[in-house]
Amino acid sequence: MIIEFLSTILYSVLGIVLLLLAIVGADKMFRLNLRHELVEEHNVAFGILIAGVAVAIGLIIAGTISS
């Protein structure tokens, strides 16, 4: 029982780290400025776009980890 709990924690942390790396990678790859667009310009559409990307990448990571 404890092994299943620890593996769940490990995979959760791994999924979060991979999601953050993917967001930072997309930021660098597409030469975006997340802070400028979200904080200074209050660009709601850009925030929704980033949220959609995060959900999509999260689903991919979850599917990969669970298989």
Protein backbone atom coordinates (compact mmCIF):
# COMPACT_ATOMS: atom_id res chain seq x y z
CA MET A 1 0.00 0.00 0.00
CA ILE A 2 2.78 2.44 0.85
CA ILE A 3 4.57 1.64 -2.42
CA GLU A 4 1.48 2.60 -4.44
CA PHE A 5 1.21 5.85 -2.50
CA LEU A 6 4.87 6.72 -3.05
CA SER A 7 4.66 5.89 -6.76
CA THR A 8 1.60 8.14 -7.07
CA ILE A 9 3.51 11.00 -5.42
CA LEU A 10 6.54 10.36 -7.63
CA TYR A 11 4.48 10.34 -10.83
CA SER A 12 2.58 13.46 -9.73
CA VAL A 13 5.81 15.37 -9.17
CA LEU A 14 7.22 14.05 -12.44
CA GLY A 15 4.09 15.17 -14.30
CA ILE A 16 4.23 18.66 -12.80
CA VAL A 17 7.93 19.04 -13.62
CA LEU A 18 7.37 17.86 -17.20
CA LEU A 19 4.43 20.27 -17.59
CA LEU A 20 6.51 23.21 -16.37
CA LEU A 21 9.38 22.24 -18.66
CA ALA A 22 6.99 22.05 -21.61
CA ILE A 23 5.56 25.52 -20.86
CA VAL A 24 9.05 27.02 -20.52
CA GLY A 25 10.14 25.20 -23.68
CA ALA A 26 7.16 26.56 -25.62
CA ASP A 27 7.94 30.04 -24.26
CA LYS A 28 11.51 29.81 -25.58
CA MET A 29 10.65 28.02 -28.83
CA PHE A 30 8.00 30.49 -29.95
CA ARG A 31 9.84 33.50 -28.48
CA LEU A 32 6.91 34.48 -26.29
CA ASN A 33 7.06 36.75 -23.29
CA LEU A 34 4.59 35.18 -20.85
CA ARG A 35 5.11 37.72 -18.09
CA HIS A 36 4.64 40.70 -20.38
CA GLU A 37 1.51 39.33 -22.03
CA LEU A 38 -0.19 38.09 -18.86
CA VAL A 39 0.88 40.58 -16.19
CA GLU A 40 1.52 43.83 -17.99
CA GLU A 41 -0.84 43.61 -20.98
CA HIS A 42 -3.62 41.66 -19.17
CA ASN A 43 -4.10 39.56 -22.30
CA VAL A 44 -6.93 37.19 -21.34
CA ALA A 45 -6.90 35.39 -24.69
CA PHE A 46 -3.22 34.58 -24.23
CA GLY A 47 -3.94 33.23 -20.75
CA ILE A 48 -6.66 30.98 -22.14
CA LEU A 49 -4.26 29.80 -24.83
CA ILE A 50 -1.59 28.91 -22.27
CA ALA A 51 -4.21 27.14 -20.12
CA GLY A 52 -5.29 25.07 -23.11
CA VAL A 53 -1.71 24.15 -23.90
CA ALA A 54 -1.16 23.18 -20.25
CA VAL A 55 -4.25 20.96 -20.24
CA ALA A 56 -3.25 19.30 -23.52
CA ILE A 57 0.31 18.65 -22.36
CA GLY A 58 -1.00 17.42 -19.01
CA LEU A 59 -3.27 14.90 -20.74
CA ILE A 60 -0.37 13.67 -22.87
CA ILE A 61 1.88 13.31 -19.83
CA ALA A 62 -0.86 11.54 -17.84
CA GLY A 63 -1.49 9.12 -20.68
CA THR A 64 2.19 8.41 -21.03
CA ILE A 65 2.75 7.86 -17.32
CA SER A 66 -0.30 5.62 -16.91
CA SER A 67 0.60 3.35 -19.83
